[in-house]
C-alpha atoms as a PDB file:
ATOM      1  CA  MET A   1     -63.543 -52.670   3.058  1.00  0.00           C
ATOM      2  CA  THR A   2     -60.165 -52.152   1.576  1.00  0.00           C
ATOM      3  CA  PHE A   3     -58.358 -48.629   1.085  1.00  0.00           C
ATOM      4  CA  ASP A   4     -58.692 -48.934  -2.558  1.00  0.00           C
ATOM      5  CA  ARG A   5     -62.509 -49.610  -2.469  1.00  0.00           C
ATOM      6  CA  LEU A   6     -62.881 -46.664  -0.026  1.00  0.00           C
ATOM      7  CA  ASN A   7     -61.009 -44.450  -2.219  1.00  0.00           C
ATOM      8  CA  ALA A   8     -63.164 -45.224  -5.228  1.00  0.00           C
ATOM      9  CA  TYR A   9     -66.250 -43.763  -3.160  1.00  0.00           C
ATOM     10  CA  HIS A  10     -64.300 -40.656  -2.140  1.00  0.00           C
ATOM     11  CA  ILE A  11     -62.718 -39.556  -5.573  1.00  0.00           C
ATOM     12  CA  MET A  12     -65.358 -37.541  -7.382  1.00  0.00           C
ATOM     13  CA  TRP A  13     -66.107 -36.625 -11.091  1.00  0.00           C
ATOM     14  CA  LEU A  14     -68.023 -33.594 -11.989  1.00  0.00           C
ATOM     15  CA  PHE A  15     -70.176 -33.344 -15.163  1.00  0.00           C
ATOM     16  CA  VAL A  16     -71.201 -29.930 -16.274  1.00  0.00           C
ATOM     17  CA  MET A  17     -74.020 -30.093 -18.839  1.00  0.00           C
ATOM     18  CA  PHE A  18     -75.417 -26.942 -20.336  1.00  0.00           C
ATOM     19  CA  ASP A  19     -77.758 -25.389 -22.858  1.00  0.00           C
ATOM     20  CA  LEU A  20     -77.016 -21.779 -23.293  1.00  0.00           C
ATOM     21  CA  PRO A  21     -78.821 -19.377 -25.621  1.00  0.00           C
ATOM     22  CA  VAL A  22     -76.657 -18.260 -28.647  1.00  0.00           C
ATOM     23  CA  MET A  23     -79.103 -16.269 -30.842  1.00  0.00           C
ATOM     24  CA  THR A  24     -77.332 -12.920 -30.467  1.00  0.00           C
ATOM     25  CA  LYS A  25     -73.725 -11.854 -30.497  1.00  0.00           C
ATOM     26  CA  LYS A  26     -73.603 -11.147 -26.844  1.00  0.00           C
ATOM     27  CA  GLU A  27     -75.146 -14.617 -25.995  1.00  0.00           C
ATOM     28  CA  ARG A  28     -72.502 -16.228 -28.097  1.00  0.00           C
ATOM     29  CA  LYS A  29     -69.788 -14.387 -26.548  1.00  0.00           C
ATOM     30  CA  GLU A  30     -71.136 -15.316 -22.972  1.00  0.00           C
ATOM     31  CA  ALA A  31     -71.377 -18.992 -23.952  1.00  0.00           C
ATOM     32  CA  ALA A  32     -67.882 -19.024 -25.312  1.00  0.00           C
ATOM     33  CA  LEU A  33     -66.499 -17.360 -22.155  1.00  0.00           C
ATOM     34  CA  PHE A  34     -68.358 -19.957 -19.969  1.00  0.00           C
ATOM     35  CA  ARG A  35     -66.746 -22.924 -21.897  1.00  0.00           C
ATOM     36  CA  LYS A  36     -63.276 -20.938 -21.645  1.00  0.00           C
ATOM     37  CA  ASN A  37     -63.797 -20.580 -17.861  1.00  0.00           C
ATOM     38  CA  LEU A  38     -64.669 -24.262 -17.562  1.00  0.00           C
ATOM     39  CA  GLU A  39     -61.447 -25.149 -19.349  1.00  0.00           C
ATOM     40  CA  LYS A  40     -59.350 -22.753 -17.098  1.00  0.00           C
ATOM     41  CA  ASP A  41     -60.852 -24.448 -14.103  1.00  0.00           C
ATOM     42  CA  GLY A  42     -59.567 -27.847 -15.284  1.00  0.00           C
ATOM     43  CA  PHE A  43     -62.726 -29.162 -17.053  1.00  0.00           C
ATOM     44  CA  THR A  44     -62.350 -31.215 -20.260  1.00  0.00           C
ATOM     45  CA  MET A  45     -64.928 -31.260 -23.025  1.00  0.00           C
ATOM     46  CA  HIS A  46     -66.540 -34.629 -23.306  1.00  0.00           C
ATOM     47  CA  GLN A  47     -69.082 -33.521 -25.729  1.00  0.00           C
ATOM     48  CA  PHE A  48     -69.944 -30.034 -27.042  1.00  0.00           C
ATOM     49  CA  SER A  49     -72.199 -29.139 -24.099  1.00  0.00           C
ATOM     50  CA  VAL A  50     -70.756 -31.723 -21.487  1.00  0.00           C
ATOM     51  CA  TYR A  51     -67.510 -30.957 -19.642  1.00  0.00           C
ATOM     52  CA  ILE A  52     -66.023 -33.227 -17.056  1.00  0.00           C
ATOM     53  CA  ARG A  53     -63.387 -32.783 -14.169  1.00  0.00           C
ATOM     54  CA  TYR A  54     -61.657 -35.243 -11.851  1.00  0.00           C
ATOM     55  CA  CYS A  55     -61.723 -34.116  -8.268  1.00  0.00           C
ATOM     56  CA  GLY A  56     -59.690 -35.897  -5.509  1.00  0.00           C
ATOM     57  CA  SER A  57     -62.368 -35.355  -2.723  1.00  0.00           C
ATOM     58  CA  LEU A  58     -65.882 -34.149  -2.120  1.00  0.00           C
ATOM     59  CA  GLU A  59     -64.479 -30.970  -0.651  1.00  0.00           C
ATOM     60  CA  SER A  60     -62.532 -30.388  -3.852  1.00  0.00           C
ATOM     61  CA  ALA A  61     -65.792 -30.882  -5.968  1.00  0.00           C
ATOM     62  CA  GLN A  62     -67.768 -28.439  -4.016  1.00  0.00           C
ATOM     63  CA  VAL A  63     -64.889 -25.844  -4.684  1.00  0.00           C
ATOM     64  CA  HIS A  64     -65.306 -26.235  -8.279  1.00  0.00           C
ATOM     65  CA  ILE A  65     -69.108 -26.386  -8.174  1.00  0.00           C
ATOM     66  CA  LYS A  66     -68.919 -22.976  -6.424  1.00  0.00           C
ATOM     67  CA  ARG A  67     -66.739 -21.631  -9.318  1.00  0.00           C
ATOM     68  CA  VAL A  68     -69.014 -22.908 -11.933  1.00  0.00           C
ATOM     69  CA  LYS A  69     -71.845 -21.214 -10.219  1.00  0.00           C
ATOM     70  CA  SER A  70     -69.756 -17.968 -10.087  1.00  0.00           C
ATOM     71  CA  PHE A  71     -69.276 -17.748 -13.953  1.00  0.00           C
ATOM     72  CA  THR A  72     -72.607 -19.204 -15.138  1.00  0.00           C
ATOM     73  CA  PRO A  73     -74.422 -16.823 -17.574  1.00  0.00           C
ATOM     74  CA  ASP A  74     -77.657 -15.114 -16.574  1.00  0.00           C
ATOM     75  CA  LYS A  75     -79.463 -17.026 -19.127  1.00  0.00           C
ATOM     76  CA  GLY A  76     -79.722 -20.673 -20.086  1.00  0.00           C
ATOM     77  CA  HIS A  77     -79.568 -23.955 -18.208  1.00  0.00           C
ATOM     78  CA  VAL A  78     -76.541 -25.405 -16.419  1.00  0.00           C
ATOM     79  CA  SER A  79     -76.493 -28.749 -14.645  1.00  0.00           C
ATOM     80  CA  VAL A  80     -73.671 -30.210 -12.423  1.00  0.00           C
ATOM     81  CA  LEU A  81     -73.645 -33.809 -11.765  1.00  0.00           C
ATOM     82  CA  SER A  82     -71.278 -35.201  -9.126  1.00  0.00           C
ATOM     83  CA  ILE A  83     -70.432 -38.928  -9.072  1.00  0.00           C
ATOM     84  CA  THR A  84     -67.915 -41.158  -7.264  1.00  0.00           C
ATOM     85  CA  ASP A  85     -65.089 -42.752  -9.112  1.00  0.00           C
ATOM     86  CA  LYS A  86     -66.747 -46.080  -8.513  1.00  0.00           C
ATOM     87  CA  GLN A  87     -69.854 -44.856 -10.431  1.00  0.00           C
ATOM     88  CA  TYR A  88     -67.625 -43.387 -13.212  1.00  0.00           C
ATOM     89  CA  SER A  89     -66.161 -46.755 -13.702  1.00  0.00           C
ATOM     90  CA  ASN A  90     -69.398 -48.175 -14.554  1.00  0.00           C
ATOM     91  CA  ILE A  91     -70.071 -45.930 -17.470  1.00  0.00           C
ATOM     92  CA  ILE A  92     -70.372 -47.790 -20.776  1.00  0.00           C
ATOM     93  CA  HIS A  93     -68.727 -46.028 -23.694  1.00  0.00           C
ATOM     94  CA  ILE A  94     -69.923 -46.934 -27.144  1.00  0.00           C
ATOM     95  CA  TRP A  95     -67.821 -45.350 -29.839  1.00  0.00           C
ATOM     96  CA  GLY A  96     -68.683 -45.410 -33.504  1.00  0.00           C
ATOM     97  CA  ALA A  97     -66.326 -44.354 -36.275  1.00  0.00           C
ATOM     98  CA  ILE A  98     -64.576 -41.142 -35.313  1.00  0.00           C
ATOM     99  CA  GLU A  99     -62.788 -38.985 -37.923  1.00  0.00           C
ATOM    100  CA  LYS A 100     -59.232 -38.574 -36.687  1.00  0.00           C
ATOM    101  CA  LYS A 101     -58.009 -34.985 -37.270  1.00  0.00           C
ATOM    102  CA  SER A 102     -54.780 -35.138 -35.361  1.00  0.00           C
ATOM    103  CA  LYS A 103     -52.847 -37.326 -33.170  1.00  0.00           C
ATOM    104  CA  PRO A 104     -54.601 -37.711 -29.641  1.00  0.00           C
ATOM    105  CA  THR A 105     -52.940 -36.188 -26.752  1.00  0.00           C
ATOM    106  CA  PRO A 106     -52.209 -38.409 -23.542  1.00  0.00           C
ATOM    107  CA  LEU A 107     -55.221 -36.784 -21.813  1.00  0.00           C
ATOM    108  CA  GLN A 108     -57.489 -37.658 -24.595  1.00  0.00           C
ATOM    109  CA  LEU A 109     -56.250 -41.262 -24.572  1.00  0.00           C
ATOM    110  CA  GLU A 110     -57.135 -41.524 -20.928  1.00  0.00           C
ATOM    111  CA  PHE A 111     -60.828 -41.306 -21.904  1.00  0.00           C
ATOM    112  CA  PHE A 112     -60.761 -44.242 -24.433  1.00  0.00           C
END
């Protein structure tokens, strides 16, 4: 097995998917803080309630999973999915027409 192939199995991607209550002002504030904390920890919004983050190793992924657990609100549902870079490369993206509001950043272009 080549080094590149091994590397594809050691690099990890984390997906954080959540459904948090937002009925009260307090719940909306907690949900917004959760999203803000995800972004501070290096996650990028993939969809409104799905954030993703690249991790160079399983150990790095475990550190970020622990952080997500530490700032998860008391109410709601949060799931963390960890996949290898090889598995991530098998994702099929189907894009329909998207309204462009501004020029995409280099980070956004990486996901197209």
